[in-house]
């Protein structure tokens, strides 16, 4: 097995470590999986393979949130706070976005 050494700044390191923790993986396992995706044998770009799925999810969730917000703004706010908590716990929400 080959070894790769990469230097990253403190901010990137902390974000990667937080994301790895949120995925219940060691930092090495997390980065290894990122590299596997980047070297996809089918030649797909690491981010574009999920773009259509992500766009569809965003559309569905926007429609759902609009509907719930029209019926009960309090329930929408409580759901958004719960979502922020879950995203923060998994390292998917920056401290600045948590406001």
PDB file of N, CA and C in Angstrom:
ATOM      1  N   UNK A   1       0.850  -1.176   0.000  1.00  0.00           N
ATOM      2  CA  UNK A   1       0.000   0.000   0.000  1.00  0.00           C
ATOM      3  C   UNK A   1       0.891   1.234   0.000  1.00  0.00           C
ATOM      4  N   UNK A   2       0.526   2.221  -0.777  1.00  0.00           N
ATOM      5  CA  UNK A   2       1.294   3.463  -0.866  1.00  0.00           C
ATOM      6  C   UNK A   2       0.803   4.459   0.173  1.00  0.00           C
ATOM      7  N   UNK A   3       1.669   5.397   0.505  1.00  0.00           N
ATOM      8  CA  UNK A   3       1.344   6.438   1.466  1.00  0.00           C
ATOM      9  C   UNK A   3       1.403   7.784   0.754  1.00  0.00           C
ATOM     10  N   UNK A   4       0.428   8.648   1.058  1.00  0.00           N
ATOM     11  CA  UNK A   4       0.395  10.003   0.517  1.00  0.00           C
ATOM     12  C   UNK A   4       0.415  10.968   1.688  1.00  0.00           C
ATOM     13  N   UNK A   5       1.284  11.953   1.636  1.00  0.00           N
ATOM     14  CA  UNK A   5       1.326  12.987   2.668  1.00  0.00           C
ATOM     15  C   UNK A   5       0.841  14.285   2.054  1.00  0.00           C
ATOM     16  N   UNK A   6      -0.103  14.920   2.722  1.00  0.00           N
ATOM     17  CA  UNK A   6      -0.679  16.165   2.227  1.00  0.00           C
ATOM     18  C   UNK A   6      -0.730  17.155   3.379  1.00  0.00           C
ATOM     19  N   UNK A   7      -0.290  18.368   3.120  1.00  0.00           N
ATOM     20  CA  UNK A   7      -0.370  19.422   4.136  1.00  0.00           C
ATOM     21  C   UNK A   7      -1.629  20.246   3.882  1.00  0.00           C
ATOM     22  N   UNK A   8      -2.367  20.520   4.955  1.00  0.00           N
ATOM     23  CA  UNK A   8      -3.557  21.362   4.863  1.00  0.00           C
ATOM     24  C   UNK A   8      -3.509  22.385   5.989  1.00  0.00           C
ATOM     25  N   UNK A   9      -4.190  23.502   5.792  1.00  0.00           N
ATOM     26  CA  UNK A   9      -4.198  24.515   6.840  1.00  0.00           C
ATOM     27  C   UNK A   9      -5.102  24.061   7.997  1.00  0.00           C
ATOM     28  N   UNK A  10      -4.994  24.762   9.104  1.00  0.00           N
ATOM     29  CA  UNK A  10      -5.713  24.373  10.316  1.00  0.00           C
ATOM     30  C   UNK A  10      -7.228  24.348  10.116  1.00  0.00           C
ATOM     31  N   UNK A  11      -7.752  25.326   9.394  1.00  0.00           N
ATOM     32  CA  UNK A  11      -9.193  25.401   9.187  1.00  0.00           C
ATOM     33  C   UNK A  11      -9.708  24.186   8.430  1.00  0.00           C
ATOM     34  N   UNK A  12      -9.034  23.832   7.350  1.00  0.00           N
ATOM     35  CA  UNK A  12      -9.448  22.667   6.571  1.00  0.00           C
ATOM     36  C   UNK A  12      -9.309  21.390   7.396  1.00  0.00           C
ATOM     37  N   UNK A  13      -8.223  21.273   8.134  1.00  0.00           N
ATOM     38  CA  UNK A  13      -8.012  20.095   8.974  1.00  0.00           C
ATOM     39  C   UNK A  13      -9.154  19.927   9.975  1.00  0.00           C
ATOM     40  N   UNK A  14      -9.534  21.004  10.643  1.00  0.00           N
ATOM     41  CA  UNK A  14     -10.602  20.930  11.636  1.00  0.00           C
ATOM     42  C   UNK A  14     -11.939  20.574  10.990  1.00  0.00           C
ATOM     43  N   UNK A  15     -12.208  21.127   9.803  1.00  0.00           N
ATOM     44  CA  UNK A  15     -13.457  20.798   9.104  1.00  0.00           C
ATOM     45  C   UNK A  15     -13.479  19.334   8.697  1.00  0.00           C
ATOM     46  N   UNK A  16     -12.364  18.827   8.170  1.00  0.00           N
ATOM     47  CA  UNK A  16     -12.289  17.411   7.785  1.00  0.00           C
ATOM     48  C   UNK A  16     -12.445  16.504   9.000  1.00  0.00           C
ATOM     49  N   UNK A  17     -11.781  16.859  10.071  1.00  0.00           N
ATOM     50  CA  UNK A  17     -11.869  16.051  11.286  1.00  0.00           C
ATOM     51  C   UNK A  17     -13.297  16.028  11.826  1.00  0.00           C
ATOM     52  N   UNK A  18     -13.964  17.168  11.771  1.00  0.00           N
ATOM     53  CA  UNK A  18     -15.351  17.255  12.237  1.00  0.00           C
ATOM     54  C   UNK A  18     -16.276  16.412  11.361  1.00  0.00           C
ATOM     55  N   UNK A  19     -16.087  16.492  10.040  1.00  0.00           N
ATOM     56  CA  UNK A  19     -16.906  15.687   9.118  1.00  0.00           C
ATOM     57  C   UNK A  19     -16.650  14.206   9.325  1.00  0.00           C
ATOM     58  N   UNK A  20     -15.396  13.826   9.546  1.00  0.00           N
ATOM     59  CA  UNK A  20     -15.059  12.419   9.789  1.00  0.00           C
ATOM     60  C   UNK A  20     -15.743  11.936  11.058  1.00  0.00           C
ATOM     61  N   UNK A  21     -15.699  12.754  12.093  1.00  0.00           N
ATOM     62  CA  UNK A  21     -16.355  12.401  13.352  1.00  0.00           C
ATOM     63  C   UNK A  21     -17.859  12.223  13.126  1.00  0.00           C
ATOM     64  N   UNK A  22     -18.460  13.141  12.364  1.00  0.00           N
ATOM     65  CA  UNK A  22     -19.892  13.047  12.070  1.00  0.00           C
ATOM     66  C   UNK A  22     -20.259  11.793  11.301  1.00  0.00           C
ATOM     67  N   UNK A  23     -19.311  11.272  10.524  1.00  0.00           N
ATOM     68  CA  UNK A  23     -19.541  10.041   9.758  1.00  0.00           C
ATOM     69  C   UNK A  23     -19.090   8.805  10.537  1.00  0.00           C
ATOM     70  N   UNK A  24     -18.642   9.027  11.779  1.00  0.00           N
ATOM     71  CA  UNK A  24     -18.161   7.939  12.631  1.00  0.00           C
ATOM     72  C   UNK A  24     -16.992   7.195  11.987  1.00  0.00           C
ATOM     73  N   UNK A  25     -16.073   7.974  11.391  1.00  0.00           N
ATOM     74  CA  UNK A  25     -14.893   7.409  10.742  1.00  0.00           C
ATOM     75  C   UNK A  25     -13.643   8.081  11.299  1.00  0.00           C
ATOM     76  N   UNK A  26     -12.532   7.383  11.220  1.00  0.00           N
ATOM     77  CA  UNK A  26     -11.267   8.043  11.527  1.00  0.00           C
ATOM     78  C   UNK A  26     -10.992   9.043  10.399  1.00  0.00           C
ATOM     79  N   UNK A  27     -10.141   9.998  10.672  1.00  0.00           N
ATOM     80  CA  UNK A  27      -9.804  10.976   9.634  1.00  0.00           C
ATOM     81  C   UNK A  27      -9.194  10.280   8.426  1.00  0.00           C
ATOM     82  N   UNK A  28      -8.323   9.304   8.654  1.00  0.00           N
ATOM     83  CA  UNK A  28      -7.697   8.576   7.547  1.00  0.00           C
ATOM     84  C   UNK A  28      -8.737   7.837   6.698  1.00  0.00           C
ATOM     85  N   UNK A  29      -9.678   7.155   7.348  1.00  0.00           N
ATOM     86  CA  UNK A  29     -10.718   6.442   6.592  1.00  0.00           C
ATOM     87  C   UNK A  29     -11.599   7.401   5.808  1.00  0.00           C
ATOM     88  N   UNK A  30     -11.911   8.552   6.426  1.00  0.00           N
ATOM     89  CA  UNK A  30     -12.741   9.547   5.756  1.00  0.00           C
ATOM     90  C   UNK A  30     -12.051  10.086   4.498  1.00  0.00           C
ATOM     91  N   UNK A  31     -10.788  10.491   4.651  1.00  0.00           N
ATOM     92  CA  UNK A  31     -10.035  11.033   3.513  1.00  0.00           C
ATOM     93  C   UNK A  31      -9.834   9.952   2.448  1.00  0.00           C
ATOM     94  N   UNK A  32      -9.598   8.733   2.872  1.00  0.00           N
ATOM     95  CA  UNK A  32      -9.427   7.626   1.922  1.00  0.00           C
ATOM     96  C   UNK A  32     -10.689   7.474   1.058  1.00  0.00           C
ATOM     97  N   UNK A  33     -11.865   7.570   1.674  1.00  0.00           N
ATOM     98  CA  UNK A  33     -13.109   7.454   0.915  1.00  0.00           C
ATOM     99  C   UNK A  33     -13.291   8.620  -0.053  1.00  0.00           C
ATOM    100  N   UNK A  34     -12.873   9.808   0.348  1.00  0.00           N
ATOM    101  CA  UNK A  34     -12.929  10.961  -0.547  1.00  0.00           C
ATOM    102  C   UNK A  34     -12.046  10.714  -1.773  1.00  0.00           C
ATOM    103  N   UNK A  35     -10.855  10.183  -1.542  1.00  0.00           N
ATOM    104  CA  UNK A  35      -9.934   9.905  -2.647  1.00  0.00           C
ATOM    105  C   UNK A  35     -10.482   8.815  -3.566  1.00  0.00           C
ATOM    106  N   UNK A  36     -11.125   7.812  -3.007  1.00  0.00           N
ATOM    107  CA  UNK A  36     -11.740   6.759  -3.829  1.00  0.00           C
ATOM    108  C   UNK A  36     -12.796   7.372  -4.748  1.00  0.00           C
ATOM    109  N   UNK A  37     -13.601   8.289  -4.212  1.00  0.00           N
ATOM    110  CA  UNK A  37     -14.623   8.955  -5.035  1.00  0.00           C
ATOM    111  C   UNK A  37     -13.970   9.805  -6.127  1.00  0.00           C
ATOM    112  N   UNK A  38     -12.898  10.497  -5.782  1.00  0.00           N
ATOM    113  CA  UNK A  38     -12.229  11.368  -6.745  1.00  0.00           C
ATOM    114  C   UNK A  38     -11.586  10.571  -7.874  1.00  0.00           C
ATOM    115  N   UNK A  39     -11.210   9.322  -7.580  1.00  0.00           N
ATOM    116  CA  UNK A  39     -10.562   8.467  -8.591  1.00  0.00           C
ATOM    117  C   UNK A  39     -11.553   7.465  -9.166  1.00  0.00           C
ATOM    118  N   UNK A  40     -12.812   7.839  -9.269  1.00  0.00           N
ATOM    119  CA  UNK A  40     -13.855   6.956  -9.786  1.00  0.00           C
ATOM    120  C   UNK A  40     -13.438   6.362 -11.133  1.00  0.00           C
ATOM    121  N   UNK A  41     -13.449   5.032 -11.262  1.00  0.00           N
ATOM    122  CA  UNK A  41     -13.004   4.402 -12.512  1.00  0.00           C
ATOM    123  C   UNK A  41     -13.893   4.735 -13.710  1.00  0.00           C
ATOM    124  N   UNK A  42     -15.113   5.181 -13.447  1.00  0.00           N
ATOM    125  CA  UNK A  42     -16.014   5.557 -14.551  1.00  0.00           C
ATOM    126  C   UNK A  42     -15.774   6.985 -15.012  1.00  0.00           C
ATOM    127  N   UNK A  43     -14.849   7.667 -14.350  1.00  0.00           N
ATOM    128  CA  UNK A  43     -14.475   9.013 -14.776  1.00  0.00           C
ATOM    129  C   UNK A  43     -15.451  10.100 -14.387  1.00  0.00           C
ATOM    130  N   UNK A  44     -16.382   9.783 -13.493  1.00  0.00           N
ATOM    131  CA  UNK A  44     -17.334  10.815 -13.074  1.00  0.00           C
ATOM    132  C   UNK A  44     -16.638  11.809 -12.168  1.00  0.00           C
ATOM    133  N   UNK A  45     -17.040  13.048 -12.283  1.00  0.00           N
ATOM    134  CA  UNK A  45     -16.507  14.086 -11.408  1.00  0.00           C
ATOM    135  C   UNK A  45     -17.064  13.861 -10.013  1.00  0.00           C
ATOM    136  N   UNK A  46     -16.256  14.029  -8.993  1.00  0.00           N
ATOM    137  CA  UNK A  46     -16.619  13.675  -7.624  1.00  0.00           C
ATOM    138  C   UNK A  46     -17.914  14.336  -7.147  1.00  0.00           C
ATOM    139  N   UNK A  47     -18.194  15.553  -7.559  1.00  0.00           N
ATOM    140  CA  UNK A  47     -19.377  16.241  -7.062  1.00  0.00           C
ATOM    141  C   UNK A  47     -20.567  16.148  -8.005  1.00  0.00           C
ATOM    142  N   UNK A  48     -20.347  16.050  -9.286  1.00  0.00           N
ATOM    143  CA  UNK A  48     -21.455  16.120 -10.232  1.00  0.00           C
ATOM    144  C   UNK A  48     -22.343  14.883 -10.225  1.00  0.00           C
ATOM    145  N   UNK A  49     -21.844  13.744  -9.778  1.00  0.00           N
ATOM    146  CA  UNK A  49     -22.644  12.532  -9.814  1.00  0.00           C
ATOM    147  C   UNK A  49     -23.858  12.625  -8.904  1.00  0.00           C
ATOM    148  N   UNK A  50     -23.837  13.511  -7.930  1.00  0.00           N
ATOM    149  CA  UNK A  50     -24.953  13.645  -6.999  1.00  0.00           C
ATOM    150  C   UNK A  50     -25.755  14.930  -7.217  1.00  0.00           C
ATOM    151  N   UNK A  51     -25.385  15.739  -8.203  1.00  0.00           N
ATOM    152  CA  UNK A  51     -26.034  17.030  -8.394  1.00  0.00           C
ATOM    153  C   UNK A  51     -27.536  16.920  -8.643  1.00  0.00           C
ATOM    154  N   UNK A  52     -27.961  15.998  -9.513  1.00  0.00           N
ATOM    155  CA  UNK A  52     -29.383  15.879  -9.811  1.00  0.00           C
ATOM    156  C   UNK A  52     -30.170  15.411  -8.601  1.00  0.00           C
ATOM    157  N   UNK A  53     -29.626  14.461  -7.867  1.00  0.00           N
ATOM    158  CA  UNK A  53     -30.287  13.984  -6.654  1.00  0.00           C
ATOM    159  C   UNK A  53     -30.398  15.106  -5.633  1.00  0.00           C
ATOM    160  N   UNK A  54     -29.322  15.848  -5.446  1.00  0.00           N
ATOM    161  CA  UNK A  54     -29.332  16.959  -4.501  1.00  0.00           C
ATOM    162  C   UNK A  54     -30.358  18.017  -4.918  1.00  0.00           C
ATOM    163  N   UNK A  55     -30.407  18.355  -6.188  1.00  0.00           N
ATOM    164  CA  UNK A  55     -31.363  19.354  -6.673  1.00  0.00           C
ATOM    165  C   UNK A  55     -32.797  18.899  -6.426  1.00  0.00           C
ATOM    166  N   UNK A  56     -33.078  17.628  -6.658  1.00  0.00           N
ATOM    167  CA  UNK A  56     -34.421  17.093  -6.435  1.00  0.00           C
ATOM    168  C   UNK A  56     -34.772  17.141  -4.952  1.00  0.00           C
ATOM    169  N   UNK A  57     -33.839  16.757  -4.094  1.00  0.00           N
ATOM    170  CA  UNK A  57     -34.072  16.805  -2.648  1.00  0.00           C
ATOM    171  C   UNK A  57     -34.346  18.231  -2.184  1.00  0.00           C
ATOM    172  N   UNK A  58     -33.588  19.176  -2.678  1.00  0.00           N
ATOM    173  CA  UNK A  58     -33.783  20.574  -2.294  1.00  0.00           C
ATOM    174  C   UNK A  58     -35.163  21.052  -2.729  1.00  0.00           C
ATOM    175  N   UNK A  59     -35.585  20.700  -3.934  1.00  0.00           N
ATOM    176  CA  UNK A  59     -36.909  21.107  -4.409  1.00  0.00           C
ATOM    177  C   UNK A  59     -38.016  20.512  -3.545  1.00  0.00           C
ATOM    178  N   UNK A  60     -37.908  19.223  -3.242  1.00  0.00           N
ATOM    179  CA  UNK A  60     -38.926  18.553  -2.427  1.00  0.00           C
ATOM    180  C   UNK A  60     -38.986  19.173  -1.035  1.00  0.00           C
ATOM    181  N   UNK A  61     -37.829  19.384  -0.414  1.00  0.00           N
ATOM    182  CA  UNK A  61     -37.808  19.944   0.934  1.00  0.00           C
ATOM    183  C   UNK A  61     -38.290  21.392   0.960  1.00  0.00           C
ATOM    184  N   UNK A  62     -38.031  22.136  -0.096  1.00  0.00           N
ATOM    185  CA  UNK A  62     -38.523  23.515  -0.168  1.00  0.00           C
ATOM    186  C   UNK A  62     -40.044  23.542  -0.248  1.00  0.00           C
ATOM    187  N   UNK A  63     -40.612  22.671  -1.060  1.00  0.00           N
ATOM    188  CA  UNK A  63     -42.080  22.581  -1.172  1.00  0.00           C
ATOM    189  C   UNK A  63     -42.680  22.169   0.177  1.00  0.00           C
ATOM    190  N   UNK A  64     -42.070  21.183   0.822  1.00  0.00           N
ATOM    191  CA  UNK A  64     -42.558  20.722   2.119  1.00  0.00           C
ATOM    192  C   UNK A  64     -42.479  21.830   3.163  1.00  0.00           C
ATOM    193  N   UNK A  65     -41.343  22.529   3.238  1.00  0.00           N
ATOM    194  CA  UNK A  65     -41.176  23.602   4.219  1.00  0.00           C
ATOM    195  C   UNK A  65     -42.161  24.738   3.960  1.00  0.00           C
ATOM    196  N   UNK A  66     -42.408  25.068   2.711  1.00  0.00           N
ATOM    197  CA  UNK A  66     -43.361  26.120   2.369  1.00  0.00           C
ATOM    198  C   UNK A  66     -44.763  25.730   2.829  1.00  0.00           C
ATOM    199  N   UNK A  67     -45.124  24.486   2.586  1.00  0.00           N
ATOM    200  CA  UNK A  67     -46.442  23.993   2.988  1.00  0.00           C
ATOM    201  C   UNK A  67     -46.598  24.006   4.509  1.00  0.00           C
ATOM    202  N   UNK A  68     -45.614  23.501   5.218  1.00  0.00           N
ATOM    203  CA  UNK A  68     -45.680  23.476   6.686  1.00  0.00           C
ATOM    204  C   UNK A  68     -45.675  24.899   7.242  1.00  0.00           C
ATOM    205  N   UNK A  69     -44.844  25.773   6.675  1.00  0.00           N
ATOM    206  CA  UNK A  69     -44.773  27.149   7.140  1.00  0.00           C
ATOM    207  C   UNK A  69     -46.090  27.889   6.973  1.00  0.00           C
ATOM    208  N   UNK A  70     -46.814  27.584   5.907  1.00  0.00           N
ATOM    209  CA  UNK A  70     -48.115  28.223   5.684  1.00  0.00           C
ATOM    210  C   UNK A  70     -49.145  27.752   6.707  1.00  0.00           C
ATOM    211  N   UNK A  71     -49.013  26.503   7.138  1.00  0.00           N
ATOM    212  CA  UNK A  71     -49.976  25.935   8.090  1.00  0.00           C
ATOM    213  C   UNK A  71     -49.609  26.251   9.536  1.00  0.00           C
ATOM    214  N   UNK A  72     -48.327  26.162   9.846  1.00  0.00           N
ATOM    215  CA  UNK A  72     -47.893  26.352  11.231  1.00  0.00           C
ATOM    216  C   UNK A  72     -46.448  26.842  11.266  1.00  0.00           C
ATOM    217  N   UNK A  73     -46.248  28.143  11.318  1.00  0.00           N
ATOM    218  CA  UNK A  73     -44.883  28.686  11.380  1.00  0.00           C
ATOM    219  C   UNK A  73     -44.102  28.173  12.597  1.00  0.00           C
ATOM    220  N   UNK A  74     -44.794  27.903  13.706  1.00  0.00           N
ATOM    221  CA  UNK A  74     -44.117  27.403  14.903  1.00  0.00           C
ATOM    222  C   UNK A  74     -43.518  26.020  14.665  1.00  0.00           C
ATOM    223  N   UNK A  75     -44.261  25.149  14.017  1.00  0.00           N
ATOM    224  CA  UNK A  75     -43.755  23.802  13.729  1.00  0.00           C
ATOM    225  C   UNK A  75     -42.584  23.880  12.755  1.00  0.00           C
ATOM    226  N   UNK A  76     -42.684  24.760  11.757  1.00  0.00           N
ATOM    227  CA  UNK A  76     -41.579  24.939  10.812  1.00  0.00           C
ATOM    228  C   UNK A  76     -40.323  25.387  11.551  1.00  0.00           C
ATOM    229  N   UNK A  77     -40.450  26.370  12.440  1.00  0.00           N
ATOM    230  CA  UNK A  77     -39.282  26.868  13.180  1.00  0.00           C
ATOM    231  C   UNK A  77     -38.687  25.779  14.060  1.00  0.00           C
ATOM    232  N   UNK A  78     -39.538  25.006  14.727  1.00  0.00           N
ATOM    233  CA  UNK A  78     -39.032  23.917  15.567  1.00  0.00           C
ATOM    234  C   UNK A  78     -38.304  22.872  14.719  1.00  0.00           C
ATOM    235  N   UNK A  79     -38.855  22.537  13.554  1.00  0.00           N
ATOM    236  CA  UNK A  79     -38.205  21.584  12.656  1.00  0.00           C
ATOM    237  C   UNK A  79     -36.871  22.100  12.138  1.00  0.00           C
ATOM    238  N   UNK A  80     -36.810  23.393  11.817  1.00  0.00           N
ATOM    239  CA  UNK A  80     -35.560  23.982  11.338  1.00  0.00           C
ATOM    240  C   UNK A  80     -34.503  23.956  12.442  1.00  0.00           C
ATOM    241  N   UNK A  81     -34.904  24.231  13.683  1.00  0.00           N
ATOM    242  CA  UNK A  81     -33.945  24.188  14.796  1.00  0.00           C
ATOM    243  C   UNK A  81     -33.443  22.763  15.013  1.00  0.00           C
ATOM    244  N   UNK A  82     -34.346  21.783  14.945  1.00  0.00           N
ATOM    245  CA  UNK A  82     -33.941  20.382  15.075  1.00  0.00           C
ATOM    246  C   UNK A  82     -32.966  19.998  13.965  1.00  0.00           C
ATOM    247  N   UNK A  83     -33.245  20.455  12.750  1.00  0.00           N
ATOM    248  CA  UNK A  83     -32.361  20.153  11.615  1.00  0.00           C
ATOM    249  C   UNK A  83     -30.988  20.787  11.825  1.00  0.00           C
ATOM    250  N   UNK A  84     -30.948  22.040  12.290  1.00  0.00           N
ATOM    251  CA  UNK A  84     -29.666  22.706  12.556  1.00  0.00           C
ATOM    252  C   UNK A  84     -28.865  21.942  13.616  1.00  0.00           C
ATOM    253  N   UNK A  85     -29.553  21.462  14.647  1.00  0.00           N
ATOM    254  CA  UNK A  85     -28.883  20.694  15.703  1.00  0.00           C
ATOM    255  C   UNK A  85     -28.267  19.423  15.135  1.00  0.00           C
ATOM    256  N   UNK A  86     -29.038  18.680  14.337  1.00  0.00           N
ATOM    257  CA  UNK A  86     -28.527  17.439  13.736  1.00  0.00           C
ATOM    258  C   UNK A  86     -27.367  17.709  12.791  1.00  0.00           C
ATOM    259  N   UNK A  87     -27.483  18.736  11.963  1.00  0.00           N
ATOM    260  CA  UNK A  87     -26.410  19.076  11.029  1.00  0.00           C
ATOM    261  C   UNK A  87     -25.146  19.485  11.787  1.00  0.00           C
ATOM    262  N   UNK A  88     -25.318  20.253  12.844  1.00  0.00           N
ATOM    263  CA  UNK A  88     -24.172  20.689  13.652  1.00  0.00           C
ATOM    264  C   UNK A  88     -23.489  19.487  14.310  1.00  0.00           C
ATOM    265  N   UNK A  89     -24.268  18.571  14.869  1.00  0.00           N
ATOM    266  CA  UNK A  89     -23.705  17.380  15.522  1.00  0.00           C
ATOM    267  C   UNK A  89     -22.895  16.525  14.549  1.00  0.00           C
ATOM    268  N   UNK A  90     -23.268  16.524  13.276  1.00  0.00           N
ATOM    269  CA  UNK A  90     -22.589  15.708  12.278  1.00  0.00           C
ATOM    270  C   UNK A  90     -21.489  16.464  11.546  1.00  0.00           C
ATOM    271  N   UNK A  91     -21.244  17.714  11.963  1.00  0.00           N
ATOM    272  CA  UNK A  91     -20.176  18.493  11.353  1.00  0.00           C
ATOM    273  C   UNK A  91     -20.530  19.026   9.978  1.00  0.00           C
ATOM    274  N   UNK A  92     -21.826  19.128   9.683  1.00  0.00           N
ATOM    275  CA  UNK A  92     -22.260  19.583   8.369  1.00  0.00           C
ATOM    276  C   UNK A  92     -22.707  21.040   8.368  1.00  0.00           C
ATOM    277  N   UNK A  93     -22.589  21.690   9.519  1.00  0.00           N
ATOM    278  CA  UNK A  93     -23.006  23.081   9.623  1.00  0.00           C
ATOM    279  C   UNK A  93     -21.904  23.858  10.321  1.00  0.00           C
ATOM    280  N   UNK A  94     -21.350  24.855   9.646  1.00  0.00           N
ATOM    281  CA  UNK A  94     -20.322  25.703  10.240  1.00  0.00           C
ATOM    282  C   UNK A  94     -20.911  26.505  11.381  1.00  0.00           C
ATOM    283  N   UNK A  95     -20.062  26.897  12.323  1.00  0.00           N
ATOM    284  CA  UNK A  95     -20.501  27.726  13.440  1.00  0.00           C
ATOM    285  C   UNK A  95     -21.174  28.999  12.938  1.00  0.00           C
ATOM    286  N   UNK A  96     -20.643  29.593  11.866  1.00  0.00           N
ATOM    287  CA  UNK A  96     -21.206  30.832  11.329  1.00  0.00           C
ATOM    288  C   UNK A  96     -22.595  30.601  10.771  1.00  0.00           C
ATOM    289  N   UNK A  97     -22.861  29.420  10.207  1.00  0.00           N
ATOM    290  CA  UNK A  97     -24.170  29.109   9.656  1.00  0.00           C
ATOM    291  C   UNK A  97     -25.173  28.772  10.746  1.00  0.00           C
ATOM    292  N   UNK A  98     -24.695  28.513  11.958  1.00  0.00           N
ATOM    293  CA  UNK A  98     -25.522  28.068  13.052  1.00  0.00           C
ATOM    294  C   UNK A  98     -26.295  29.218  13.693  1.00  0.00           C
ATOM    295  N   UNK A  99     -26.142  30.411  13.196  1.00  0.00           N
ATOM    296  CA  UNK A  99     -26.801  31.582  13.795  1.00  0.00           C
ATOM    297  C   UNK A  99     -28.192  31.748  13.265  1.00  0.00           C
TER     298      UNK A  99
END
